[in-house]
Amino acid sequence: MKEKNSMMDSSSQFKEIMDVKELSKYLGIGKSKIYQLIREKKIPASKIGRQYRFSKSVIDSWLKENLITREELQYSLEKLFKKDKSK
């Protein structure tokens, strides 16, 4: 029973406002990838002074909005292969 509770509490261990290091841990990606996403304006971030901050609820919404469905992935792959064949 303890294992189930610890799994359910794992998302609550993250603060509502996170810095790059905390977001890296939350998303399971490297800090350099997060900075790349910031530079490309692909991830919602707030800059306070020289530091970036991320709202957990905004990041969760961003993740949901950026889901790639199986159909979208298939379409993207077909489009990619059509370009390669034409070369």
PDB file of N, CA and C in Angstrom:
ATOM      1  N   MET A   1       0.819  -1.194   0.000  1.00  0.00           N
ATOM      2  CA  MET A   1       0.000   0.000   0.000  1.00  0.00           C
ATOM      3  C   MET A   1       0.867   1.264   0.000  1.00  0.00           C
ATOM      4  N   LYS A   2       2.003   1.210   0.679  1.00  0.00           N
ATOM      5  CA  LYS A   2       2.888   2.359   0.734  1.00  0.00           C
ATOM      6  C   LYS A   2       3.415   2.707  -0.651  1.00  0.00           C
ATOM      7  N   GLU A   3       3.707   1.680  -1.466  1.00  0.00           N
ATOM      8  CA  GLU A   3       4.223   1.929  -2.814  1.00  0.00           C
ATOM      9  C   GLU A   3       3.220   2.713  -3.641  1.00  0.00           C
ATOM     10  N   LYS A   4       1.966   2.348  -3.557  1.00  0.00           N
ATOM     11  CA  LYS A   4       0.921   3.024  -4.319  1.00  0.00           C
ATOM     12  C   LYS A   4       0.837   4.497  -3.917  1.00  0.00           C
ATOM     13  N   ASN A   5       0.885   4.764  -2.622  1.00  0.00           N
ATOM     14  CA  ASN A   5       0.812   6.135  -2.143  1.00  0.00           C
ATOM     15  C   ASN A   5       2.016   6.948  -2.588  1.00  0.00           C
ATOM     16  N   SER A   6       3.210   6.350  -2.565  1.00  0.00           N
ATOM     17  CA  SER A   6       4.401   7.089  -2.971  1.00  0.00           C
ATOM     18  C   SER A   6       4.364   7.397  -4.456  1.00  0.00           C
ATOM     19  N   MET A   7       3.771   6.501  -5.265  1.00  0.00           N
ATOM     20  CA  MET A   7       3.654   6.760  -6.691  1.00  0.00           C
ATOM     21  C   MET A   7       2.666   7.893  -6.937  1.00  0.00           C
ATOM     22  N   MET A   8       1.587   7.922  -6.211  1.00  0.00           N
ATOM     23  CA  MET A   8       0.573   8.956  -6.386  1.00  0.00           C
ATOM     24  C   MET A   8       1.094  10.306  -5.910  1.00  0.00           C
ATOM     25  N   ASP A   9       1.973  10.313  -4.924  1.00  0.00           N
ATOM     26  CA  ASP A   9       2.503  11.550  -4.382  1.00  0.00           C
ATOM     27  C   ASP A   9       3.690  12.078  -5.169  1.00  0.00           C
ATOM     28  N   SER A  10       4.202  11.306  -6.146  1.00  0.00           N
ATOM     29  CA  SER A  10       5.416  11.718  -6.839  1.00  0.00           C
ATOM     30  C   SER A  10       5.244  13.024  -7.589  1.00  0.00           C
ATOM     31  N   SER A  11       4.073  13.276  -8.170  1.00  0.00           N
ATOM     32  CA  SER A  11       3.881  14.545  -8.876  1.00  0.00           C
ATOM     33  C   SER A  11       3.691  15.700  -7.902  1.00  0.00           C
ATOM     34  N   SER A  12       3.230  15.419  -6.703  1.00  0.00           N
ATOM     35  CA  SER A  12       3.029  16.485  -5.732  1.00  0.00           C
ATOM     36  C   SER A  12       4.336  16.902  -5.054  1.00  0.00           C
ATOM     37  N   GLN A  13       5.413  16.161  -5.305  1.00  0.00           N
ATOM     38  CA  GLN A  13       6.697  16.534  -4.720  1.00  0.00           C
ATOM     39  C   GLN A  13       7.316  17.731  -5.436  1.00  0.00           C
ATOM     40  N   PHE A  14       6.781  18.071  -6.605  1.00  0.00           N
ATOM     41  CA  PHE A  14       7.287  19.202  -7.359  1.00  0.00           C
ATOM     42  C   PHE A  14       6.516  20.462  -6.982  1.00  0.00           C
ATOM     43  N   LYS A  15       7.269  21.563  -6.881  1.00  0.00           N
ATOM     44  CA  LYS A  15       6.665  22.843  -6.521  1.00  0.00           C
ATOM     45  C   LYS A  15       5.841  23.385  -7.675  1.00  0.00           C
ATOM     46  N   GLU A  16       4.936  24.298  -7.382  1.00  0.00           N
ATOM     47  CA  GLU A  16       4.120  24.927  -8.433  1.00  0.00           C
ATOM     48  C   GLU A  16       4.975  25.802  -9.340  1.00  0.00           C
ATOM     49  N   ILE A  17       5.991  26.449  -8.800  1.00  0.00           N
ATOM     50  CA  ILE A  17       6.925  27.251  -9.592  1.00  0.00           C
ATOM     51  C   ILE A  17       8.287  26.568  -9.519  1.00  0.00           C
ATOM     52  N   MET A  18       8.828  26.240 -10.700  1.00  0.00           N
ATOM     53  CA  MET A  18      10.086  25.499 -10.761  1.00  0.00           C
ATOM     54  C   MET A  18      11.143  26.293 -11.520  1.00  0.00           C
ATOM     55  N   ASP A  19      12.409  26.037 -11.177  1.00  0.00           N
ATOM     56  CA  ASP A  19      13.505  26.598 -11.957  1.00  0.00           C
ATOM     57  C   ASP A  19      13.925  25.553 -13.003  1.00  0.00           C
ATOM     58  N   VAL A  20      14.970  25.840 -13.763  1.00  0.00           N
ATOM     59  CA  VAL A  20      15.385  24.945 -14.848  1.00  0.00           C
ATOM     60  C   VAL A  20      15.775  23.570 -14.308  1.00  0.00           C
ATOM     61  N   LYS A  21      16.497  23.543 -13.212  1.00  0.00           N
ATOM     62  CA  LYS A  21      16.946  22.272 -12.637  1.00  0.00           C
ATOM     63  C   LYS A  21      15.748  21.415 -12.203  1.00  0.00           C
ATOM     64  N   GLU A  22      14.788  22.035 -11.550  1.00  0.00           N
ATOM     65  CA  GLU A  22      13.604  21.309 -11.094  1.00  0.00           C
ATOM     66  C   GLU A  22      12.752  20.841 -12.276  1.00  0.00           C
ATOM     67  N   LEU A  23      12.626  21.697 -13.294  1.00  0.00           N
ATOM     68  CA  LEU A  23      11.866  21.313 -14.479  1.00  0.00           C
ATOM     69  C   LEU A  23      12.548  20.155 -15.203  1.00  0.00           C
ATOM     70  N   SER A  24      13.862  20.193 -15.247  1.00  0.00           N
ATOM     71  CA  SER A  24      14.628  19.110 -15.860  1.00  0.00           C
ATOM     72  C   SER A  24      14.310  17.778 -15.189  1.00  0.00           C
ATOM     73  N   LYS A  25      14.264  17.801 -13.894  1.00  0.00           N
ATOM     74  CA  LYS A  25      13.934  16.597 -13.122  1.00  0.00           C
ATOM     75  C   LYS A  25      12.476  16.186 -13.351  1.00  0.00           C
ATOM     76  N   TYR A  26      11.583  17.169 -13.387  1.00  0.00           N
ATOM     77  CA  TYR A  26      10.152  16.912 -13.575  1.00  0.00           C
ATOM     78  C   TYR A  26       9.870  16.275 -14.933  1.00  0.00           C
ATOM     79  N   LEU A  27      10.505  16.810 -15.983  1.00  0.00           N
ATOM     80  CA  LEU A  27      10.265  16.302 -17.333  1.00  0.00           C
ATOM     81  C   LEU A  27      11.156  15.121 -17.707  1.00  0.00           C
ATOM     82  N   GLY A  28      12.244  14.956 -16.965  1.00  0.00           N
ATOM     83  CA  GLY A  28      13.164  13.855 -17.266  1.00  0.00           C
ATOM     84  C   GLY A  28      14.017  14.126 -18.490  1.00  0.00           C
ATOM     85  N   ILE A  29      14.319  15.416 -18.727  1.00  0.00           N
ATOM     86  CA  ILE A  29      15.200  15.784 -19.832  1.00  0.00           C
ATOM     87  C   ILE A  29      16.307  16.682 -19.289  1.00  0.00           C
ATOM     88  N   GLY A  30      17.366  16.830 -20.057  1.00  0.00           N
ATOM     89  CA  GLY A  30      18.506  17.621 -19.615  1.00  0.00           C
ATOM     90  C   GLY A  30      18.247  19.112 -19.602  1.00  0.00           C
ATOM     91  N   LYS A  31      19.025  19.813 -18.795  1.00  0.00           N
ATOM     92  CA  LYS A  31      18.894  21.265 -18.706  1.00  0.00           C
ATOM     93  C   LYS A  31      19.214  21.925 -20.046  1.00  0.00           C
ATOM     94  N   SER A  32      20.184  21.390 -20.773  1.00  0.00           N
ATOM     95  CA  SER A  32      20.535  21.991 -22.064  1.00  0.00           C
ATOM     96  C   SER A  32      19.374  21.897 -23.048  1.00  0.00           C
ATOM     97  N   LYS A  33      18.611  20.818 -22.992  1.00  0.00           N
ATOM     98  CA  LYS A  33      17.438  20.675 -23.853  1.00  0.00           C
ATOM     99  C   LYS A  33      16.378  21.707 -23.471  1.00  0.00           C
ATOM    100  N   ILE A  34      16.216  21.971 -22.195  1.00  0.00           N
ATOM    101  CA  ILE A  34      15.256  22.982 -21.738  1.00  0.00           C
ATOM    102  C   ILE A  34      15.668  24.359 -22.243  1.00  0.00           C
ATOM    103  N   TYR A  35      16.970  24.681 -22.132  1.00  0.00           N
ATOM    104  CA  TYR A  35      17.439  25.970 -22.641  1.00  0.00           C
ATOM    105  C   TYR A  35      17.235  26.074 -24.152  1.00  0.00           C
ATOM    106  N   GLN A  36      17.413  24.975 -24.860  1.00  0.00           N
ATOM    107  CA  GLN A  36      17.171  24.965 -26.304  1.00  0.00           C
ATOM    108  C   GLN A  36      15.705  25.258 -26.595  1.00  0.00           C
ATOM    109  N   LEU A  37      14.798  24.613 -25.865  1.00  0.00           N
ATOM    110  CA  LEU A  37      13.363  24.849 -26.041  1.00  0.00           C
ATOM    111  C   LEU A  37      12.996  26.304 -25.726  1.00  0.00           C
ATOM    112  N   ILE A  38      13.658  26.884 -24.739  1.00  0.00           N
ATOM    113  CA  ILE A  38      13.418  28.292 -24.393  1.00  0.00           C
ATOM    114  C   ILE A  38      13.868  29.178 -25.555  1.00  0.00           C
ATOM    115  N   ARG A  39      15.086  28.945 -26.061  1.00  0.00           N
ATOM    116  CA  ARG A  39      15.598  29.751 -27.176  1.00  0.00           C
ATOM    117  C   ARG A  39      14.689  29.676 -28.390  1.00  0.00           C
ATOM    118  N   GLU A  40      14.137  28.490 -28.645  1.00  0.00           N
ATOM    119  CA  GLU A  40      13.255  28.281 -29.798  1.00  0.00           C
ATOM    120  C   GLU A  40      11.814  28.702 -29.515  1.00  0.00           C
ATOM    121  N   LYS A  41      11.591  29.205 -28.307  1.00  0.00           N
ATOM    122  CA  LYS A  41      10.250  29.638 -27.871  1.00  0.00           C
ATOM    123  C   LYS A  41       9.222  28.513 -28.020  1.00  0.00           C
ATOM    124  N   LYS A  42       9.627  27.304 -27.636  1.00  0.00           N
ATOM    125  CA  LYS A  42       8.756  26.145 -27.739  1.00  0.00           C
ATOM    126  C   LYS A  42       8.209  25.688 -26.400  1.00  0.00           C
ATOM    127  N   ILE A  43       8.661  26.329 -25.326  1.00  0.00           N
ATOM    128  CA  ILE A  43       8.196  25.953 -23.991  1.00  0.00           C
ATOM    129  C   ILE A  43       7.802  27.228 -23.244  1.00  0.00           C
ATOM    130  N   PRO A  44       6.690  27.206 -22.515  1.00  0.00           N
ATOM    131  CA  PRO A  44       6.283  28.412 -21.782  1.00  0.00           C
ATOM    132  C   PRO A  44       7.191  28.662 -20.576  1.00  0.00           C
ATOM    133  N   ALA A  45       7.815  29.825 -20.573  1.00  0.00           N
ATOM    134  CA  ALA A  45       8.741  30.178 -19.498  1.00  0.00           C
ATOM    135  C   ALA A  45       8.576  31.642 -19.136  1.00  0.00           C
ATOM    136  N   SER A  46       8.885  31.960 -17.894  1.00  0.00           N
ATOM    137  CA  SER A  46       8.923  33.342 -17.435  1.00  0.00           C
ATOM    138  C   SER A  46      10.352  33.647 -17.037  1.00  0.00           C
ATOM    139  N   LYS A  47      10.807  34.824 -17.402  1.00  0.00           N
ATOM    140  CA  LYS A  47      12.161  35.221 -17.024  1.00  0.00           C
ATOM    141  C   LYS A  47      12.069  36.278 -15.938  1.00  0.00           C
ATOM    142  N   ILE A  48      12.693  35.986 -14.819  1.00  0.00           N
ATOM    143  CA  ILE A  48      12.726  36.914 -13.697  1.00  0.00           C
ATOM    144  C   ILE A  48      14.191  37.254 -13.481  1.00  0.00           C
ATOM    145  N   GLY A  49      14.557  38.471 -13.824  1.00  0.00           N
ATOM    146  CA  GLY A  49      15.972  38.837 -13.802  1.00  0.00           C
ATOM    147  C   GLY A  49      16.700  38.038 -14.868  1.00  0.00           C
ATOM    148  N   ARG A  50      17.665  37.248 -14.452  1.00  0.00           N
ATOM    149  CA  ARG A  50      18.407  36.417 -15.400  1.00  0.00           C
ATOM    150  C   ARG A  50      18.029  34.944 -15.284  1.00  0.00           C
ATOM    151  N   GLN A  51      17.007  34.643 -14.525  1.00  0.00           N
ATOM    152  CA  GLN A  51      16.630  33.252 -14.297  1.00  0.00           C
ATOM    153  C   GLN A  51      15.250  32.951 -14.869  1.00  0.00           C
ATOM    154  N   TYR A  52      15.091  31.716 -15.322  1.00  0.00           N
ATOM    155  CA  TYR A  52      13.810  31.268 -15.859  1.00  0.00           C
ATOM    156  C   TYR A  52      13.019  30.546 -14.781  1.00  0.00           C
ATOM    157  N   ARG A  53      11.712  30.739 -14.826  1.00  0.00           N
ATOM    158  CA  ARG A  53      10.796  30.047 -13.919  1.00  0.00           C
ATOM    159  C   ARG A  53       9.671  29.451 -14.751  1.00  0.00           C
ATOM    160  N   PHE A  54       9.132  28.336 -14.258  1.00  0.00           N
ATOM    161  CA  PHE A  54       8.106  27.595 -14.971  1.00  0.00           C
ATOM    162  C   PHE A  54       6.979  27.250 -14.010  1.00  0.00           C
ATOM    163  N   SER A  55       5.758  27.498 -14.435  1.00  0.00           N
ATOM    164  CA  SER A  55       4.590  27.141 -13.648  1.00  0.00           C
ATOM    165  C   SER A  55       4.246  25.679 -13.954  1.00  0.00           C
ATOM    166  N   LYS A  56       4.152  24.866 -12.934  1.00  0.00           N
ATOM    167  CA  LYS A  56       3.845  23.449 -13.124  1.00  0.00           C
ATOM    168  C   LYS A  56       2.534  23.256 -13.860  1.00  0.00           C
ATOM    169  N   SER A  57       1.513  24.023 -13.493  1.00  0.00           N
ATOM    170  CA  SER A  57       0.208  23.866 -14.150  1.00  0.00           C
ATOM    171  C   SER A  57       0.276  24.278 -15.624  1.00  0.00           C
ATOM    172  N   VAL A  58       1.057  25.318 -15.942  1.00  0.00           N
ATOM    173  CA  VAL A  58       1.204  25.739 -17.334  1.00  0.00           C
ATOM    174  C   VAL A  58       1.987  24.690 -18.117  1.00  0.00           C
ATOM    175  N   ILE A  59       3.024  24.138 -17.509  1.00  0.00           N
ATOM    176  CA  ILE A  59       3.813  23.082 -18.170  1.00  0.00           C
ATOM    177  C   ILE A  59       2.945  21.852 -18.409  1.00  0.00           C
ATOM    178  N   ASP A  60       2.115  21.488 -17.432  1.00  0.00           N
ATOM    179  CA  ASP A  60       1.222  20.335 -17.602  1.00  0.00           C
ATOM    180  C   ASP A  60       0.254  20.568 -18.761  1.00  0.00           C
ATOM    181  N   SER A  61      -0.290  21.768 -18.859  1.00  0.00           N
ATOM    182  CA  SER A  61      -1.189  22.111 -19.970  1.00  0.00           C
ATOM    183  C   SER A  61      -0.438  22.077 -21.297  1.00  0.00           C
ATOM    184  N   TRP A  62       0.781  22.616 -21.308  1.00  0.00           N
ATOM    185  CA  TRP A  62       1.616  22.628 -22.503  1.00  0.00           C
ATOM    186  C   TRP A  62       1.893  21.202 -22.972  1.00  0.00           C
ATOM    187  N   LEU A  63       2.172  20.323 -22.038  1.00  0.00           N
ATOM    188  CA  LEU A  63       2.418  18.920 -22.391  1.00  0.00           C
ATOM    189  C   LEU A  63       1.184  18.297 -23.039  1.00  0.00           C
ATOM    190  N   LYS A  64       0.024  18.568 -22.476  1.00  0.00           N
ATOM    191  CA  LYS A  64      -1.218  18.012 -23.027  1.00  0.00           C
ATOM    192  C   LYS A  64      -1.505  18.565 -24.418  1.00  0.00           C
ATOM    193  N   GLU A  65      -1.245  19.852 -24.624  1.00  0.00           N
ATOM    194  CA  GLU A  65      -1.509  20.483 -25.921  1.00  0.00           C
ATOM    195  C   GLU A  65      -0.556  19.995 -27.000  1.00  0.00           C
ATOM    196  N   ASN A  66       0.632  19.560 -26.604  1.00  0.00           N
ATOM    197  CA  ASN A  66       1.646  19.163 -27.568  1.00  0.00           C
ATOM    198  C   ASN A  66       1.749  17.659 -27.755  1.00  0.00           C
ATOM    199  N   LEU A  67       0.699  16.947 -27.379  1.00  0.00           N
ATOM    200  CA  LEU A  67       0.695  15.506 -27.608  1.00  0.00           C
ATOM    201  C   LEU A  67       0.638  15.228 -29.104  1.00  0.00           C
ATOM    202  N   ILE A  68       1.372  14.233 -29.520  1.00  0.00           N
ATOM    203  CA  ILE A  68       1.332  13.811 -30.918  1.00  0.00           C
ATOM    204  C   ILE A  68       0.514  12.540 -30.969  1.00  0.00           C
ATOM    205  N   THR A  69      -0.587  12.615 -31.675  1.00  0.00           N
ATOM    206  CA  THR A  69      -1.423  11.425 -31.804  1.00  0.00           C
ATOM    207  C   THR A  69      -0.824  10.491 -32.843  1.00  0.00           C
ATOM    208  N   ARG A  70      -1.239   9.273 -32.820  1.00  0.00           N
ATOM    209  CA  ARG A  70      -0.738   8.270 -33.760  1.00  0.00           C
ATOM    210  C   ARG A  70      -0.977   8.719 -35.206  1.00  0.00           C
ATOM    211  N   GLU A  71      -2.150   9.304 -35.488  1.00  0.00           N
ATOM    212  CA  GLU A  71      -2.472   9.754 -36.845  1.00  0.00           C
ATOM    213  C   GLU A  71      -1.554  10.888 -37.288  1.00  0.00           C
ATOM    214  N   GLU A  72      -1.294  11.848 -36.381  1.00  0.00           N
ATOM    215  CA  GLU A  72      -0.404  12.960 -36.720  1.00  0.00           C
ATOM    216  C   GLU A  72       1.007  12.457 -36.995  1.00  0.00           C
ATOM    217  N   LEU A  73       1.458  11.511 -36.202  1.00  0.00           N
ATOM    218  CA  LEU A  73       2.784  10.943 -36.390  1.00  0.00           C
ATOM    219  C   LEU A  73       2.866  10.221 -37.729  1.00  0.00           C
ATOM    220  N   GLN A  74       1.851   9.448 -38.059  1.00  0.00           N
ATOM    221  CA  GLN A  74       1.818   8.735 -39.328  1.00  0.00           C
ATOM    222  C   GLN A  74       1.847   9.721 -40.491  1.00  0.00           C
ATOM    223  N   TYR A  75       1.054  10.782 -40.410  1.00  0.00           N
ATOM    224  CA  TYR A  75       1.012  11.802 -41.461  1.00  0.00           C
ATOM    225  C   TYR A  75       2.386  12.454 -41.622  1.00  0.00           C
ATOM    226  N   SER A  76       3.033  12.790 -40.504  1.00  0.00           N
ATOM    227  CA  SER A  76       4.348  13.425 -40.545  1.00  0.00           C
ATOM    228  C   SER A  76       5.377  12.499 -41.180  1.00  0.00           C
ATOM    229  N   LEU A  77       5.328  11.222 -40.841  1.00  0.00           N
ATOM    230  CA  LEU A  77       6.268  10.262 -41.417  1.00  0.00           C
ATOM    231  C   LEU A  77       6.042  10.101 -42.911  1.00  0.00           C
ATOM    232  N   GLU A  78       4.783  10.012 -43.329  1.00  0.00           N
ATOM    233  CA  GLU A  78       4.479   9.876 -44.750  1.00  0.00           C
ATOM    234  C   GLU A  78       4.970  11.109 -45.521  1.00  0.00           C
ATOM    235  N   LYS A  79       4.754  12.268 -44.963  1.00  0.00           N
ATOM    236  CA  LYS A  79       5.191  13.508 -45.587  1.00  0.00           C
ATOM    237  C   LYS A  79       6.712  13.543 -45.712  1.00  0.00           C
ATOM    238  N   LEU A  80       7.391  13.106 -44.675  1.00  0.00           N
ATOM    239  CA  LEU A  80       8.847  13.071 -44.665  1.00  0.00           C
ATOM    240  C   LEU A  80       9.368  12.116 -45.729  1.00  0.00           C
ATOM    241  N   PHE A  81       8.786  10.928 -45.820  1.00  0.00           N
ATOM    242  CA  PHE A  81       9.260   9.944 -46.793  1.00  0.00           C
ATOM    243  C   PHE A  81       8.974  10.387 -48.228  1.00  0.00           C
ATOM    244  N   LYS A  82       7.903  11.104 -48.443  1.00  0.00           N
ATOM    245  CA  LYS A  82       7.594  11.624 -49.795  1.00  0.00           C
ATOM    246  C   LYS A  82       8.653  12.621 -50.223  1.00  0.00           C
ATOM    247  N   LYS A  83       9.130  13.477 -49.301  1.00  0.00           N
ATOM    248  CA  LYS A  83      10.182  14.435 -49.606  1.00  0.00           C
ATOM    249  C   LYS A  83      11.470  13.716 -49.969  1.00  0.00           C
ATOM    250  N   ASP A  84      11.816  12.663 -49.213  1.00  0.00           N
ATOM    251  CA  ASP A  84      13.050  11.931 -49.456  1.00  0.00           C
ATOM    252  C   ASP A  84      13.021  11.234 -50.821  1.00  0.00           C
ATOM    253  N   LYS A  85      11.897  10.704 -51.216  1.00  0.00           N
ATOM    254  CA  LYS A  85      11.783   9.999 -52.495  1.00  0.00           C
ATOM    255  C   LYS A  85      11.914  10.943 -53.676  1.00  0.00           C
ATOM    256  N   SER A  86      11.503  12.192 -53.504  1.00  0.00           N
ATOM    257  CA  SER A  86      11.538  13.140 -54.604  1.00  0.00           C
ATOM    258  C   SER A  86      12.948  13.661 -54.870  1.00  0.00           C
ATOM    259  N   LYS A  87      13.872  13.414 -53.973  1.00  0.00           N
ATOM    260  CA  LYS A  87      15.275  13.907 -54.122  1.00  0.00           C
ATOM    261  C   LYS A  87      16.087  12.984 -54.979  1.00  0.00           C
TER     262      LYS A  87
END
